[in-house]
Amino acid sequence: MPRPKKCRKVCCLPPVKKFIPAGENLSCREIVVMSVDEYEAVRLIDNEGFSQEECSGYMSIARTTVQQIYDGARKKIARALVDGLPLTIEGGNYRLCDGKERYCGCGGCRRHRLGCMSRMQKDKNS
């Protein structure tokens, strides 16, 4: 019996979920589907500059799992770009960050930045 998949923590859902090549008739074309957890791995590693180790800590999964997720996501992005296919971000095995952790390690997570700042001010006033 396979081990159950662990939910991956993501900061927030992507603001844009569909990318469509310009000037294409997409009526019967294949669509590349990237999961939300794959998007989060790409966002953290490529956009936020996290190492795979830091990304794994943030997403609460093993570094090897992050590597697999990240590699799969990069292949999907490459396929969409090279073959001119639409890309959709949806689904996956994830849970949204609730902002209640002491610190998430994500410089881009508004919930945690605000929470960390308010905790820092409380600590100063104490």
C-alpha atoms as a PDB file:
ATOM      1  CA  MET A   1       0.000   0.000   0.000  1.00  0.00           C
ATOM      2  CA  PRO A   2       1.523   3.345  -1.016  1.00  0.00           C
ATOM      3  CA  ARG A   3       2.220   6.005   1.550  1.00  0.00           C
ATOM      4  CA  PRO A   4      -0.444   8.756   1.615  1.00  0.00           C
ATOM      5  CA  LYS A   5       0.554  12.067   0.058  1.00  0.00           C
ATOM      6  CA  LYS A   6       1.329  14.866   2.481  1.00  0.00           C
ATOM      7  CA  CYS A   7      -0.410  18.189   1.829  1.00  0.00           C
ATOM      8  CA  ARG A   8       1.984  20.869   0.599  1.00  0.00           C
ATOM      9  CA  LYS A   9       1.665  24.291   2.204  1.00  0.00           C
ATOM     10  CA  VAL A  10       1.234  27.168  -0.241  1.00  0.00           C
ATOM     11  CA  CYS A  11       1.185  30.874   0.583  1.00  0.00           C
ATOM     12  CA  CYS A  12      -1.720  31.842  -1.658  1.00  0.00           C
ATOM     13  CA  LEU A  13      -3.426  30.861  -4.867  1.00  0.00           C
ATOM     14  CA  PRO A  14      -1.932  32.259  -8.077  1.00  0.00           C
ATOM     15  CA  PRO A  15      -3.445  35.601  -9.152  1.00  0.00           C
ATOM     16  CA  VAL A  16      -3.552  34.425 -12.781  1.00  0.00           C
ATOM     17  CA  LYS A  17      -4.562  30.829 -13.467  1.00  0.00           C
ATOM     18  CA  LYS A  18      -4.603  30.656 -17.275  1.00  0.00           C
ATOM     19  CA  PHE A  19      -1.962  31.578 -19.814  1.00  0.00           C
ATOM     20  CA  ILE A  20      -2.883  31.453 -23.493  1.00  0.00           C
ATOM     21  CA  PRO A  21      -0.540  31.944 -26.452  1.00  0.00           C
ATOM     22  CA  ALA A  22      -1.375  35.084 -28.441  1.00  0.00           C
ATOM     23  CA  GLY A  23      -2.953  34.741 -31.873  1.00  0.00           C
ATOM     24  CA  GLU A  24      -3.783  31.063 -31.622  1.00  0.00           C
ATOM     25  CA  ASN A  25      -7.028  29.251 -32.358  1.00  0.00           C
ATOM     26  CA  LEU A  26      -7.320  27.134 -29.202  1.00  0.00           C
ATOM     27  CA  SER A  27     -10.588  25.360 -29.908  1.00  0.00           C
ATOM     28  CA  CYS A  28      -9.139  21.835 -30.091  1.00  0.00           C
ATOM     29  CA  ARG A  29      -5.617  22.243 -28.684  1.00  0.00           C
ATOM     30  CA  GLU A  30      -4.206  20.354 -25.741  1.00  0.00           C
ATOM     31  CA  ILE A  31      -3.896  22.249 -22.450  1.00  0.00           C
ATOM     32  CA  VAL A  32      -0.942  21.860 -20.078  1.00  0.00           C
ATOM     33  CA  VAL A  33      -2.167  21.662 -16.471  1.00  0.00           C
ATOM     34  CA  MET A  34       0.157  22.644 -13.625  1.00  0.00           C
ATOM     35  CA  SER A  35      -0.910  22.004 -10.034  1.00  0.00           C
ATOM     36  CA  VAL A  36      -0.982  24.750  -7.405  1.00  0.00           C
ATOM     37  CA  ASP A  37       1.837  23.065  -5.451  1.00  0.00           C
ATOM     38  CA  GLU A  38       3.978  22.971  -8.622  1.00  0.00           C
ATOM     39  CA  TYR A  39       3.291  26.681  -9.102  1.00  0.00           C
ATOM     40  CA  GLU A  40       4.299  27.355  -5.480  1.00  0.00           C
ATOM     41  CA  ALA A  41       7.609  25.488  -5.888  1.00  0.00           C
ATOM     42  CA  VAL A  42       8.457  27.530  -9.005  1.00  0.00           C
ATOM     43  CA  ARG A  43       7.390  30.753  -7.274  1.00  0.00           C
ATOM     44  CA  LEU A  44       9.512  30.095  -4.207  1.00  0.00           C
ATOM     45  CA  ILE A  45      12.625  28.820  -6.010  1.00  0.00           C
ATOM     46  CA  ASP A  46      12.693  30.945  -9.170  1.00  0.00           C
ATOM     47  CA  ASN A  47      10.883  34.106  -8.069  1.00  0.00           C
ATOM     48  CA  GLU A  48      11.666  34.357  -4.337  1.00  0.00           C
ATOM     49  CA  GLY A  49      15.184  32.877  -4.616  1.00  0.00           C
ATOM     50  CA  PHE A  50      14.671  30.055  -2.115  1.00  0.00           C
ATOM     51  CA  SER A  51      16.962  27.035  -2.217  1.00  0.00           C
ATOM     52  CA  GLN A  52      15.239  23.663  -2.527  1.00  0.00           C
ATOM     53  CA  GLU A  53      16.040  23.109   1.155  1.00  0.00           C
ATOM     54  CA  GLU A  54      14.347  26.386   2.171  1.00  0.00           C
ATOM     55  CA  CYS A  55      11.415  25.632  -0.125  1.00  0.00           C
ATOM     56  CA  SER A  56      10.954  22.215   1.474  1.00  0.00           C
ATOM     57  CA  GLY A  57      10.907  23.778   4.939  1.00  0.00           C
ATOM     58  CA  TYR A  58       8.317  26.325   3.875  1.00  0.00           C
ATOM     59  CA  MET A  59       6.087  23.804   2.099  1.00  0.00           C
ATOM     60  CA  SER A  60       6.474  21.273   4.964  1.00  0.00           C
ATOM     61  CA  ILE A  61       7.674  18.448   2.718  1.00  0.00           C
ATOM     62  CA  ALA A  62      10.965  16.648   2.032  1.00  0.00           C
ATOM     63  CA  ARG A  63      13.618  18.270  -0.150  1.00  0.00           C
ATOM     64  CA  THR A  64      13.474  15.313  -2.567  1.00  0.00           C
ATOM     65  CA  THR A  65       9.726  15.879  -2.947  1.00  0.00           C
ATOM     66  CA  VAL A  66      10.341  19.556  -3.718  1.00  0.00           C
ATOM     67  CA  GLN A  67      12.881  18.513  -6.351  1.00  0.00           C
ATOM     68  CA  GLN A  68      10.346  16.178  -7.998  1.00  0.00           C
ATOM     69  CA  ILE A  69       7.580  18.805  -7.911  1.00  0.00           C
ATOM     70  CA  TYR A  70       9.911  21.509  -9.250  1.00  0.00           C
ATOM     71  CA  ASP A  71      11.273  19.322 -12.076  1.00  0.00           C
ATOM     72  CA  GLY A  72       7.746  18.385 -13.143  1.00  0.00           C
ATOM     73  CA  ALA A  73       6.628  22.006 -13.093  1.00  0.00           C
ATOM     74  CA  ARG A  74       9.612  23.176 -15.174  1.00  0.00           C
ATOM     75  CA  LYS A  75       8.901  20.490 -17.787  1.00  0.00           C
ATOM     76  CA  LYS A  76       5.282  21.625 -18.019  1.00  0.00           C
ATOM     77  CA  ILE A  77       6.303  25.271 -18.413  1.00  0.00           C
ATOM     78  CA  ALA A  78       8.831  24.338 -21.098  1.00  0.00           C
ATOM     79  CA  ARG A  79       6.263  22.260 -22.967  1.00  0.00           C
ATOM     80  CA  ALA A  80       3.730  25.100 -22.908  1.00  0.00           C
ATOM     81  CA  LEU A  81       6.307  27.612 -24.167  1.00  0.00           C
ATOM     82  CA  VAL A  82       7.998  25.440 -26.788  1.00  0.00           C
ATOM     83  CA  ASP A  83       4.832  23.882 -28.206  1.00  0.00           C
ATOM     84  CA  GLY A  84       2.723  27.053 -27.866  1.00  0.00           C
ATOM     85  CA  LEU A  85       0.146  25.377 -25.642  1.00  0.00           C
ATOM     86  CA  PRO A  86      -2.143  27.045 -23.108  1.00  0.00           C
ATOM     87  CA  LEU A  87      -1.136  26.591 -19.458  1.00  0.00           C
ATOM     88  CA  THR A  88      -3.648  26.306 -16.616  1.00  0.00           C
ATOM     89  CA  ILE A  89      -2.857  26.232 -12.884  1.00  0.00           C
ATOM     90  CA  GLU A  90      -5.343  24.196 -10.871  1.00  0.00           C
ATOM     91  CA  GLY A  91      -5.718  21.333  -8.442  1.00  0.00           C
ATOM     92  CA  GLY A  92      -3.019  19.479  -6.577  1.00  0.00           C
ATOM     93  CA  ASN A  93      -2.471  18.280  -3.039  1.00  0.00           C
ATOM     94  CA  TYR A  94      -2.051  21.482  -1.041  1.00  0.00           C
ATOM     95  CA  ARG A  95      -3.293  23.503   1.904  1.00  0.00           C
ATOM     96  CA  LEU A  96      -3.343  27.283   2.038  1.00  0.00           C
ATOM     97  CA  CYS A  97      -1.157  29.062   4.572  1.00  0.00           C
ATOM     98  CA  ASP A  98      -3.316  30.244   7.442  1.00  0.00           C
ATOM     99  CA  GLY A  99      -0.788  32.795   8.725  1.00  0.00           C
ATOM    100  CA  LYS A 100      -0.787  31.312  12.233  1.00  0.00           C
ATOM    101  CA  GLU A 101       2.696  29.797  12.170  1.00  0.00           C
ATOM    102  CA  ARG A 102       5.375  31.701  14.102  1.00  0.00           C
ATOM    103  CA  TYR A 103       7.310  32.370  10.886  1.00  0.00           C
ATOM    104  CA  CYS A 104       6.913  30.853   7.452  1.00  0.00           C
ATOM    105  CA  GLY A 105      10.233  31.902   5.895  1.00  0.00           C
ATOM    106  CA  CYS A 106       8.485  33.447   2.916  1.00  0.00           C
ATOM    107  CA  GLY A 107       9.394  37.070   2.351  1.00  0.00           C
ATOM    108  CA  GLY A 108       6.471  37.390  -0.043  1.00  0.00           C
ATOM    109  CA  CYS A 109       3.745  36.119   2.273  1.00  0.00           C
ATOM    110  CA  ARG A 110       1.710  39.165   3.317  1.00  0.00           C
ATOM    111  CA  ARG A 111      -0.039  37.286   6.112  1.00  0.00           C
ATOM    112  CA  HIS A 112       3.256  36.429   7.769  1.00  0.00           C
ATOM    113  CA  ARG A 113       4.929  39.783   7.169  1.00  0.00           C
ATOM    114  CA  LEU A 114       2.049  41.496   8.956  1.00  0.00           C
ATOM    115  CA  GLY A 115       1.967  38.861  11.683  1.00  0.00           C
ATOM    116  CA  CYS A 116       5.738  38.986  12.205  1.00  0.00           C
ATOM    117  CA  MET A 117       5.713  42.802  12.347  1.00  0.00           C
ATOM    118  CA  SER A 118       2.935  42.847  14.952  1.00  0.00           C
ATOM    119  CA  ARG A 119       4.755  40.205  17.035  1.00  0.00           C
ATOM    120  CA  MET A 120       8.002  42.207  16.784  1.00  0.00           C
ATOM    121  CA  GLN A 121       6.206  45.321  18.020  1.00  0.00           C
ATOM    122  CA  LYS A 122       4.674  43.360  20.903  1.00  0.00           C
ATOM    123  CA  ASP A 123       8.146  42.032  21.809  1.00  0.00           C
ATOM    124  CA  LYS A 124       9.575  45.604  21.743  1.00  0.00           C
ATOM    125  CA  ASN A 125       6.815  46.912  23.979  1.00  0.00           C
ATOM    126  CA  SER A 126       7.275  44.080  26.496  1.00  0.00           C
END
